[in-house]
Amino acid sequence: MFESVAYAMGTPQAGAAPSGTDMMVQFVPLILMFVIFYFLLIRPQQKRAKAHKQMLSELKRGDHIITSSGLLGRILEISEEEALIECGEAKLRISRGAIGGVIDPKAAAAEEKK
């Protein structure tokens, strides 16, 4: 009795080697997940990193910036590794990579008045 149940639970190709198409069908969901992750996560992140790197290369003296920690300031000096910014009455030396973005000078003046 148990022997007939064991045969009934077997696959139709029991004992046969899996064909190439069966293995390909198993990899399709994995490949599809990688494609989705690429377009939803990896590609946008690479675009943002490229835009940030370009923004950092175009910085110049007098630009109004916001740091990644939220400080607003104006660049007084800039080198390859560091920037000296004026933040209110203080002068701060920060890493160039800590600059989050360039802001409109009119918006910066309105923030300083507050």
C-alpha atoms as a PDB file:
ATOM      1  CA  MET A   1       0.000   0.000   0.000  1.00  0.00           C
ATOM      2  CA  PHE A   2       2.703   2.505   0.960  1.00  0.00           C
ATOM      3  CA  GLU A   3       4.640   1.665  -2.171  1.00  0.00           C
ATOM      4  CA  SER A   4       1.803   2.829  -4.422  1.00  0.00           C
ATOM      5  CA  VAL A   5       1.559   6.141  -2.529  1.00  0.00           C
ATOM      6  CA  ALA A   6       5.296   6.715  -2.962  1.00  0.00           C
ATOM      7  CA  TYR A   7       5.016   6.168  -6.717  1.00  0.00           C
ATOM      8  CA  ALA A   8       2.019   8.503  -6.863  1.00  0.00           C
ATOM      9  CA  MET A   9       4.006  11.315  -5.183  1.00  0.00           C
ATOM     10  CA  GLY A  10       6.866  11.092  -7.642  1.00  0.00           C
ATOM     11  CA  THR A  11       7.357  13.607 -10.446  1.00  0.00           C
ATOM     12  CA  PRO A  12       6.496  12.617 -13.987  1.00  0.00           C
ATOM     13  CA  GLN A  13      10.212  12.711 -14.865  1.00  0.00           C
ATOM     14  CA  ALA A  14      11.409  10.852 -11.783  1.00  0.00           C
ATOM     15  CA  GLY A  15      14.940   9.667 -12.364  1.00  0.00           C
ATOM     16  CA  ALA A  16      15.405  11.719 -15.548  1.00  0.00           C
ATOM     17  CA  ALA A  17      17.953  14.548 -15.702  1.00  0.00           C
ATOM     18  CA  PRO A  18      16.406  18.035 -15.807  1.00  0.00           C
ATOM     19  CA  SER A  19      16.458  19.636 -19.220  1.00  0.00           C
ATOM     20  CA  GLY A  20      17.935  23.051 -20.001  1.00  0.00           C
ATOM     21  CA  THR A  21      14.546  24.687 -20.412  1.00  0.00           C
ATOM     22  CA  ASP A  22      13.459  23.570 -16.920  1.00  0.00           C
ATOM     23  CA  MET A  23      16.548  25.185 -15.403  1.00  0.00           C
ATOM     24  CA  MET A  24      15.981  28.361 -17.425  1.00  0.00           C
ATOM     25  CA  VAL A  25      12.402  28.617 -16.206  1.00  0.00           C
ATOM     26  CA  GLN A  26      13.696  28.431 -12.637  1.00  0.00           C
ATOM     27  CA  PHE A  27      16.093  31.349 -13.224  1.00  0.00           C
ATOM     28  CA  VAL A  28      13.543  33.664 -14.893  1.00  0.00           C
ATOM     29  CA  PRO A  29      12.106  34.983 -11.584  1.00  0.00           C
ATOM     30  CA  LEU A  30      15.615  35.605 -10.255  1.00  0.00           C
ATOM     31  CA  ILE A  31      16.616  37.489 -13.394  1.00  0.00           C
ATOM     32  CA  LEU A  32      13.369  39.467 -13.301  1.00  0.00           C
ATOM     33  CA  MET A  33      13.998  40.472  -9.677  1.00  0.00           C
ATOM     34  CA  PHE A  34      17.501  41.678 -10.541  1.00  0.00           C
ATOM     35  CA  VAL A  35      16.158  43.798 -13.420  1.00  0.00           C
ATOM     36  CA  ILE A  36      13.525  45.355 -11.151  1.00  0.00           C
ATOM     37  CA  PHE A  37      16.107  46.112  -8.452  1.00  0.00           C
ATOM     38  CA  TYR A  38      18.403  47.661 -11.049  1.00  0.00           C
ATOM     39  CA  PHE A  39      15.779  50.063 -12.392  1.00  0.00           C
ATOM     40  CA  LEU A  40      14.205  50.911  -9.034  1.00  0.00           C
ATOM     41  CA  LEU A  41      17.258  51.092  -6.760  1.00  0.00           C
ATOM     42  CA  ILE A  42      20.669  50.940  -8.401  1.00  0.00           C
ATOM     43  CA  ARG A  43      20.194  53.179 -11.442  1.00  0.00           C
ATOM     44  CA  PRO A  44      18.554  56.145  -9.612  1.00  0.00           C
ATOM     45  CA  GLN A  45      21.225  55.997  -6.923  1.00  0.00           C
ATOM     46  CA  GLN A  46      23.974  56.132  -9.554  1.00  0.00           C
ATOM     47  CA  LYS A  47      22.283  59.121 -11.205  1.00  0.00           C
ATOM     48  CA  ARG A  48      22.087  61.002  -7.887  1.00  0.00           C
ATOM     49  CA  ALA A  49      25.742  60.235  -7.124  1.00  0.00           C
ATOM     50  CA  LYS A  50      26.794  61.461 -10.566  1.00  0.00           C
ATOM     51  CA  ALA A  51      24.786  64.699 -10.187  1.00  0.00           C
ATOM     52  CA  HIS A  52      26.241  65.300  -6.700  1.00  0.00           C
ATOM     53  CA  LYS A  53      29.780  64.741  -7.959  1.00  0.00           C
ATOM     54  CA  GLN A  54      29.203  67.196 -10.811  1.00  0.00           C
ATOM     55  CA  MET A  55      27.740  69.774  -8.401  1.00  0.00           C
ATOM     56  CA  LEU A  56      30.811  69.434  -6.160  1.00  0.00           C
ATOM     57  CA  SER A  57      33.143  69.956  -9.104  1.00  0.00           C
ATOM     58  CA  GLU A  58      31.326  73.153 -10.126  1.00  0.00           C
ATOM     59  CA  LEU A  59      31.489  74.846  -6.703  1.00  0.00           C
ATOM     60  CA  LYS A  60      33.154  78.232  -6.587  1.00  0.00           C
ATOM     61  CA  ARG A  61      33.857  81.006  -4.134  1.00  0.00           C
ATOM     62  CA  GLY A  62      30.734  82.958  -3.177  1.00  0.00           C
ATOM     63  CA  ASP A  63      28.231  80.132  -3.738  1.00  0.00           C
ATOM     64  CA  HIS A  64      25.540  79.751  -1.111  1.00  0.00           C
ATOM     65  CA  ILE A  65      25.370  76.156   0.052  1.00  0.00           C
ATOM     66  CA  ILE A  66      23.614  73.833   2.441  1.00  0.00           C
ATOM     67  CA  THR A  67      25.621  71.103   4.120  1.00  0.00           C
ATOM     68  CA  SER A  68      24.422  67.543   4.553  1.00  0.00           C
ATOM     69  CA  SER A  69      23.871  68.352   8.247  1.00  0.00           C
ATOM     70  CA  GLY A  70      21.636  71.329   7.391  1.00  0.00           C
ATOM     71  CA  LEU A  71      23.942  74.316   7.912  1.00  0.00           C
ATOM     72  CA  LEU A  72      23.513  77.217   5.502  1.00  0.00           C
ATOM     73  CA  GLY A  73      26.556  79.202   4.483  1.00  0.00           C
ATOM     74  CA  ARG A  74      28.578  80.958   1.827  1.00  0.00           C
ATOM     75  CA  ILE A  75      31.849  79.602   0.476  1.00  0.00           C
ATOM     76  CA  LEU A  76      34.840  81.805   1.310  1.00  0.00           C
ATOM     77  CA  GLU A  77      37.606  79.456   0.152  1.00  0.00           C
ATOM     78  CA  ILE A  78      37.515  76.106  -1.562  1.00  0.00           C
ATOM     79  CA  SER A  79      40.185  73.513  -2.253  1.00  0.00           C
ATOM     80  CA  GLU A  80      40.201  69.938  -3.504  1.00  0.00           C
ATOM     81  CA  GLU A  81      39.412  68.454  -0.066  1.00  0.00           C
ATOM     82  CA  GLU A  82      37.987  71.255   2.096  1.00  0.00           C
ATOM     83  CA  ALA A  83      35.872  74.370   2.001  1.00  0.00           C
ATOM     84  CA  LEU A  84      35.833  77.345   4.342  1.00  0.00           C
ATOM     85  CA  ILE A  85      32.283  78.586   4.741  1.00  0.00           C
ATOM     86  CA  GLU A  86      30.810  81.574   6.491  1.00  0.00           C
ATOM     87  CA  CYS A  87      27.826  80.525   8.563  1.00  0.00           C
ATOM     88  CA  GLY A  88      26.395  83.599  10.302  1.00  0.00           C
ATOM     89  CA  GLU A  89      29.231  85.057  12.369  1.00  0.00           C
ATOM     90  CA  ALA A  90      31.246  81.836  12.359  1.00  0.00           C
ATOM     91  CA  LYS A  91      33.698  80.522   9.803  1.00  0.00           C
ATOM     92  CA  LEU A  92      33.698  76.752   9.474  1.00  0.00           C
ATOM     93  CA  ARG A  93      36.094  74.463   7.655  1.00  0.00           C
ATOM     94  CA  ILE A  94      34.214  71.467   6.283  1.00  0.00           C
ATOM     95  CA  SER A  95      34.940  68.557   4.006  1.00  0.00           C
ATOM     96  CA  ARG A  96      33.969  69.174   0.411  1.00  0.00           C
ATOM     97  CA  GLY A  97      31.929  65.974   0.415  1.00  0.00           C
ATOM     98  CA  ALA A  98      29.790  67.300   3.293  1.00  0.00           C
ATOM     99  CA  ILE A  99      28.225  69.884   0.997  1.00  0.00           C
ATOM    100  CA  GLY A 100      24.694  68.763   0.244  1.00  0.00           C
ATOM    101  CA  GLY A 101      23.754  71.267  -2.421  1.00  0.00           C
ATOM    102  CA  VAL A 102      23.842  74.781  -3.788  1.00  0.00           C
ATOM    103  CA  ILE A 103      20.940  77.043  -2.860  1.00  0.00           C
ATOM    104  CA  ASP A 104      19.524  80.235  -4.299  1.00  0.00           C
ATOM    105  CA  PRO A 105      21.205  83.308  -2.727  1.00  0.00           C
ATOM    106  CA  LYS A 106      17.811  85.032  -2.293  1.00  0.00           C
ATOM    107  CA  ALA A 107      16.521  82.065  -0.310  1.00  0.00           C
ATOM    108  CA  ALA A 108      19.690  82.081   1.785  1.00  0.00           C
ATOM    109  CA  ALA A 109      19.279  85.808   2.540  1.00  0.00           C
ATOM    110  CA  ALA A 110      15.681  85.230   3.618  1.00  0.00           C
ATOM    111  CA  GLU A 111      16.787  82.421   5.944  1.00  0.00           C
ATOM    112  CA  GLU A 112      19.542  84.570   7.469  1.00  0.00           C
ATOM    113  CA  LYS A 113      17.068  87.377   8.239  1.00  0.00           C
ATOM    114  CA  LYS A 114      14.855  84.986  10.199  1.00  0.00           C
END
